[in-house]
Amino acid sequence: MKSGIHPDYHEINVIMADGTEYKTKSCYGEPGATLRLDVDPKTHPAWTGVQRILDTGGQVAKFNKRFSGIGNIKK
């Protein structure tokens, strides 16, 4: 490895969305810096499998209203 071209790899504190903390090594910030996560594997739907319910009824009604006249033949 060449010296002087690689970033400083040091220990930082990571605080998860639920408040739990752990230490890891990273190139982020200065030694001892704190990284706060807004979304983490314990809260994100991709990992938990719990999806947020969307207002699809309102979106469908808006679509139907907007494109209701397309395809109708007026005589």
N, C-alpha and C. Protein backbone atom coordinates (compact mmCIF):
# COMPACT_ATOMS: atom_id res chain seq x y z
N MET A 1 0.83 -1.18 0.00
CA MET A 1 0.00 0.00 0.00
C MET A 1 0.88 1.25 0.00
N LYS A 2 0.54 2.21 -0.84
CA LYS A 2 1.29 3.46 -0.85
C LYS A 2 0.92 4.26 0.38
N SER A 3 1.88 4.90 0.95
CA SER A 3 1.60 5.73 2.13
C SER A 3 1.18 7.13 1.70
N GLY A 4 0.26 7.72 2.47
CA GLY A 4 -0.14 9.10 2.23
C GLY A 4 -1.28 9.29 1.25
N ILE A 5 -1.78 8.23 0.61
CA ILE A 5 -2.87 8.41 -0.35
C ILE A 5 -4.20 7.86 0.15
N HIS A 6 -4.20 7.15 1.25
CA HIS A 6 -5.43 6.54 1.75
C HIS A 6 -6.03 7.39 2.87
N PRO A 7 -7.37 7.45 2.94
CA PRO A 7 -8.01 8.23 4.00
C PRO A 7 -7.76 7.60 5.37
N ASP A 8 -7.88 8.43 6.39
CA ASP A 8 -7.70 7.97 7.77
C ASP A 8 -8.85 7.04 8.16
N TYR A 9 -8.53 5.87 8.61
CA TYR A 9 -9.52 4.85 9.00
C TYR A 9 -9.51 4.79 10.53
N HIS A 10 -10.59 5.26 11.15
CA HIS A 10 -10.61 5.40 12.59
C HIS A 10 -11.94 4.93 13.18
N GLU A 11 -12.04 4.93 14.48
CA GLU A 11 -13.24 4.47 15.16
C GLU A 11 -14.24 5.62 15.33
N ILE A 12 -15.53 5.34 15.02
CA ILE A 12 -16.60 6.33 15.22
C ILE A 12 -17.74 5.68 15.99
N ASN A 13 -18.66 6.49 16.51
CA ASN A 13 -19.85 6.01 17.20
C ASN A 13 -21.03 6.13 16.24
N VAL A 14 -21.86 5.09 16.18
CA VAL A 14 -23.07 5.10 15.35
C VAL A 14 -24.26 4.99 16.28
N ILE A 15 -25.22 5.92 16.14
CA ILE A 15 -26.44 5.90 16.94
C ILE A 15 -27.59 5.58 15.99
N MET A 16 -28.25 4.45 16.26
CA MET A 16 -29.37 4.00 15.43
C MET A 16 -30.61 4.83 15.72
N ALA A 17 -31.66 4.67 14.90
CA ALA A 17 -32.90 5.43 15.05
C ALA A 17 -33.58 5.15 16.38
N ASP A 18 -33.41 3.94 16.92
CA ASP A 18 -34.05 3.60 18.20
C ASP A 18 -33.20 3.98 19.41
N GLY A 19 -32.04 4.58 19.19
CA GLY A 19 -31.20 5.05 20.28
C GLY A 19 -30.05 4.13 20.66
N THR A 20 -30.01 2.91 20.12
CA THR A 20 -28.89 2.03 20.43
C THR A 20 -27.62 2.55 19.79
N GLU A 21 -26.50 2.29 20.44
CA GLU A 21 -25.21 2.79 19.96
C GLU A 21 -24.23 1.64 19.79
N TYR A 22 -23.33 1.81 18.85
CA TYR A 22 -22.22 0.88 18.71
C TYR A 22 -21.04 1.60 18.08
N LYS A 23 -19.88 1.01 18.19
CA LYS A 23 -18.67 1.59 17.61
C LYS A 23 -18.26 0.76 16.41
N THR A 24 -17.77 1.46 15.40
CA THR A 24 -17.28 0.80 14.20
C THR A 24 -16.13 1.62 13.63
N LYS A 25 -15.47 1.10 12.64
CA LYS A 25 -14.38 1.83 11.99
C LYS A 25 -14.89 2.39 10.67
N SER A 26 -14.47 3.61 10.34
CA SER A 26 -14.93 4.28 9.14
C SER A 26 -13.97 5.39 8.74
N CYS A 27 -14.17 5.92 7.55
CA CYS A 27 -13.43 7.10 7.08
C CYS A 27 -14.24 8.36 7.32
N TYR A 28 -15.45 8.22 7.91
CA TYR A 28 -16.36 9.33 8.16
C TYR A 28 -15.82 10.23 9.27
N GLY A 29 -15.80 11.54 9.04
CA GLY A 29 -15.47 12.52 10.07
C GLY A 29 -14.11 12.35 10.71
N GLU A 30 -14.05 12.78 11.95
CA GLU A 30 -12.83 12.71 12.74
C GLU A 30 -12.90 11.52 13.68
N PRO A 31 -11.79 11.10 14.25
CA PRO A 31 -11.84 10.02 15.25
C PRO A 31 -12.78 10.38 16.39
N GLY A 32 -13.68 9.47 16.74
CA GLY A 32 -14.63 9.70 17.82
C GLY A 32 -15.90 10.42 17.37
N ALA A 33 -16.05 10.69 16.08
CA ALA A 33 -17.24 11.38 15.57
C ALA A 33 -18.48 10.51 15.78
N THR A 34 -19.66 11.14 15.76
CA THR A 34 -20.91 10.42 15.94
C THR A 34 -21.74 10.51 14.66
N LEU A 35 -22.21 9.36 14.20
CA LEU A 35 -23.06 9.27 13.02
C LEU A 35 -24.44 8.84 13.49
N ARG A 36 -25.46 9.71 13.28
CA ARG A 36 -26.83 9.40 13.69
C ARG A 36 -27.60 8.92 12.47
N LEU A 37 -28.24 7.76 12.60
CA LEU A 37 -29.02 7.19 11.51
C LEU A 37 -30.49 7.49 11.70
N ASP A 38 -31.15 8.04 10.66
CA ASP A 38 -32.59 8.27 10.70
C ASP A 38 -33.33 7.00 10.31
N VAL A 39 -32.76 6.24 9.39
CA VAL A 39 -33.35 5.00 8.93
C VAL A 39 -32.31 3.91 9.13
N ASP A 40 -32.73 2.83 9.77
CA ASP A 40 -31.81 1.72 9.99
C ASP A 40 -32.53 0.40 9.75
N PRO A 41 -31.84 -0.72 9.75
CA PRO A 41 -32.48 -2.01 9.46
C PRO A 41 -33.62 -2.38 10.40
N LYS A 42 -33.66 -1.80 11.58
CA LYS A 42 -34.73 -2.13 12.53
C LYS A 42 -36.01 -1.35 12.23
N THR A 43 -35.93 -0.24 11.46
CA THR A 43 -37.10 0.59 11.21
C THR A 43 -37.49 0.69 9.74
N HIS A 44 -36.61 0.35 8.81
CA HIS A 44 -36.90 0.52 7.39
C HIS A 44 -37.78 -0.61 6.87
N PRO A 45 -38.83 -0.29 6.09
CA PRO A 45 -39.75 -1.31 5.58
C PRO A 45 -39.08 -2.40 4.74
N ALA A 46 -37.98 -2.09 4.08
CA ALA A 46 -37.31 -3.09 3.26
C ALA A 46 -36.80 -4.25 4.10
N TRP A 47 -36.44 -3.99 5.35
CA TRP A 47 -35.92 -5.04 6.23
C TRP A 47 -36.97 -5.59 7.19
N THR A 48 -37.95 -4.76 7.58
CA THR A 48 -38.94 -5.19 8.55
C THR A 48 -40.11 -5.90 7.90
N GLY A 49 -40.40 -5.62 6.63
CA GLY A 49 -41.53 -6.22 5.95
C GLY A 49 -42.84 -5.50 6.22
N VAL A 50 -42.81 -4.45 7.02
CA VAL A 50 -44.01 -3.67 7.33
C VAL A 50 -44.06 -2.49 6.37
N GLN A 51 -45.08 -2.46 5.53
CA GLN A 51 -45.21 -1.40 4.55
C GLN A 51 -46.17 -0.33 5.03
N ARG A 52 -45.94 0.89 4.63
CA ARG A 52 -46.83 2.00 4.94
C ARG A 52 -48.02 1.96 3.99
N ILE A 53 -49.20 2.19 4.51
CA ILE A 53 -50.40 2.17 3.68
C ILE A 53 -50.50 3.50 2.92
N LEU A 54 -50.61 3.40 1.60
CA LEU A 54 -50.70 4.59 0.77
C LEU A 54 -52.15 4.88 0.42
N ASP A 55 -52.42 6.12 0.11
CA ASP A 55 -53.76 6.53 -0.28
C ASP A 55 -53.96 6.23 -1.76
N THR A 56 -54.06 4.95 -2.11
CA THR A 56 -54.18 4.59 -3.53
C THR A 56 -55.56 4.93 -4.06
N GLY A 57 -56.58 4.91 -3.20
CA GLY A 57 -57.93 5.27 -3.65
C GLY A 57 -57.98 6.69 -4.17
N GLY A 58 -57.34 7.61 -3.50
CA GLY A 58 -57.30 9.00 -3.95
C GLY A 58 -56.52 9.16 -5.22
N GLN A 59 -55.46 8.39 -5.37
CA GLN A 59 -54.66 8.47 -6.58
C GLN A 59 -55.41 7.91 -7.78
N VAL A 60 -56.13 6.80 -7.57
CA VAL A 60 -56.91 6.21 -8.65
C VAL A 60 -58.04 7.15 -9.07
N ALA A 61 -58.72 7.76 -8.10
CA ALA A 61 -59.80 8.69 -8.42
C ALA A 61 -59.27 9.89 -9.21
N LYS A 62 -58.11 10.38 -8.83
CA LYS A 62 -57.50 11.51 -9.54
C LYS A 62 -57.15 11.12 -10.98
N PHE A 63 -56.61 9.91 -11.14
CA PHE A 63 -56.28 9.43 -12.49
C PHE A 63 -57.54 9.30 -13.34
N ASN A 64 -58.58 8.68 -12.78
CA ASN A 64 -59.83 8.50 -13.53
C ASN A 64 -60.46 9.83 -13.90
N LYS A 65 -60.41 10.80 -13.01
CA LYS A 65 -60.98 12.12 -13.30
C LYS A 65 -60.19 12.81 -14.42
N ARG A 66 -58.88 12.69 -14.36
CA ARG A 66 -58.02 13.36 -15.33
C ARG A 66 -58.17 12.77 -16.73
N PHE A 67 -58.27 11.45 -16.80
CA PHE A 67 -58.30 10.80 -18.10
C PHE A 67 -59.66 10.18 -18.44
N SER A 68 -60.71 10.69 -17.86
CA SER A 68 -62.05 10.12 -18.09
C SER A 68 -62.53 10.32 -19.52
N GLY A 69 -62.14 11.37 -20.18
CA GLY A 69 -62.63 11.65 -21.51
C GLY A 69 -61.86 10.97 -22.62
N ILE A 70 -60.74 10.39 -22.34
CA ILE A 70 -59.92 9.75 -23.37
C ILE A 70 -60.58 8.43 -23.77
N GLY A 71 -60.74 8.23 -25.04
CA GLY A 71 -61.30 6.99 -25.56
C GLY A 71 -62.79 7.05 -25.78
N ASN A 72 -63.45 8.07 -25.28
CA ASN A 72 -64.89 8.22 -25.51
C ASN A 72 -65.11 8.91 -26.86
N ILE A 73 -65.99 8.35 -27.64
CA ILE A 73 -66.31 8.94 -28.96
C ILE A 73 -67.53 9.81 -28.77
N LYS A 74 -67.39 11.08 -29.09
CA LYS A 74 -68.51 12.02 -28.96
C LYS A 74 -69.11 12.25 -30.34
N LYS A 75 -70.43 12.14 -30.47
CA LYS A 75 -71.09 12.33 -31.76
C LYS A 75 -71.92 13.56 -31.76
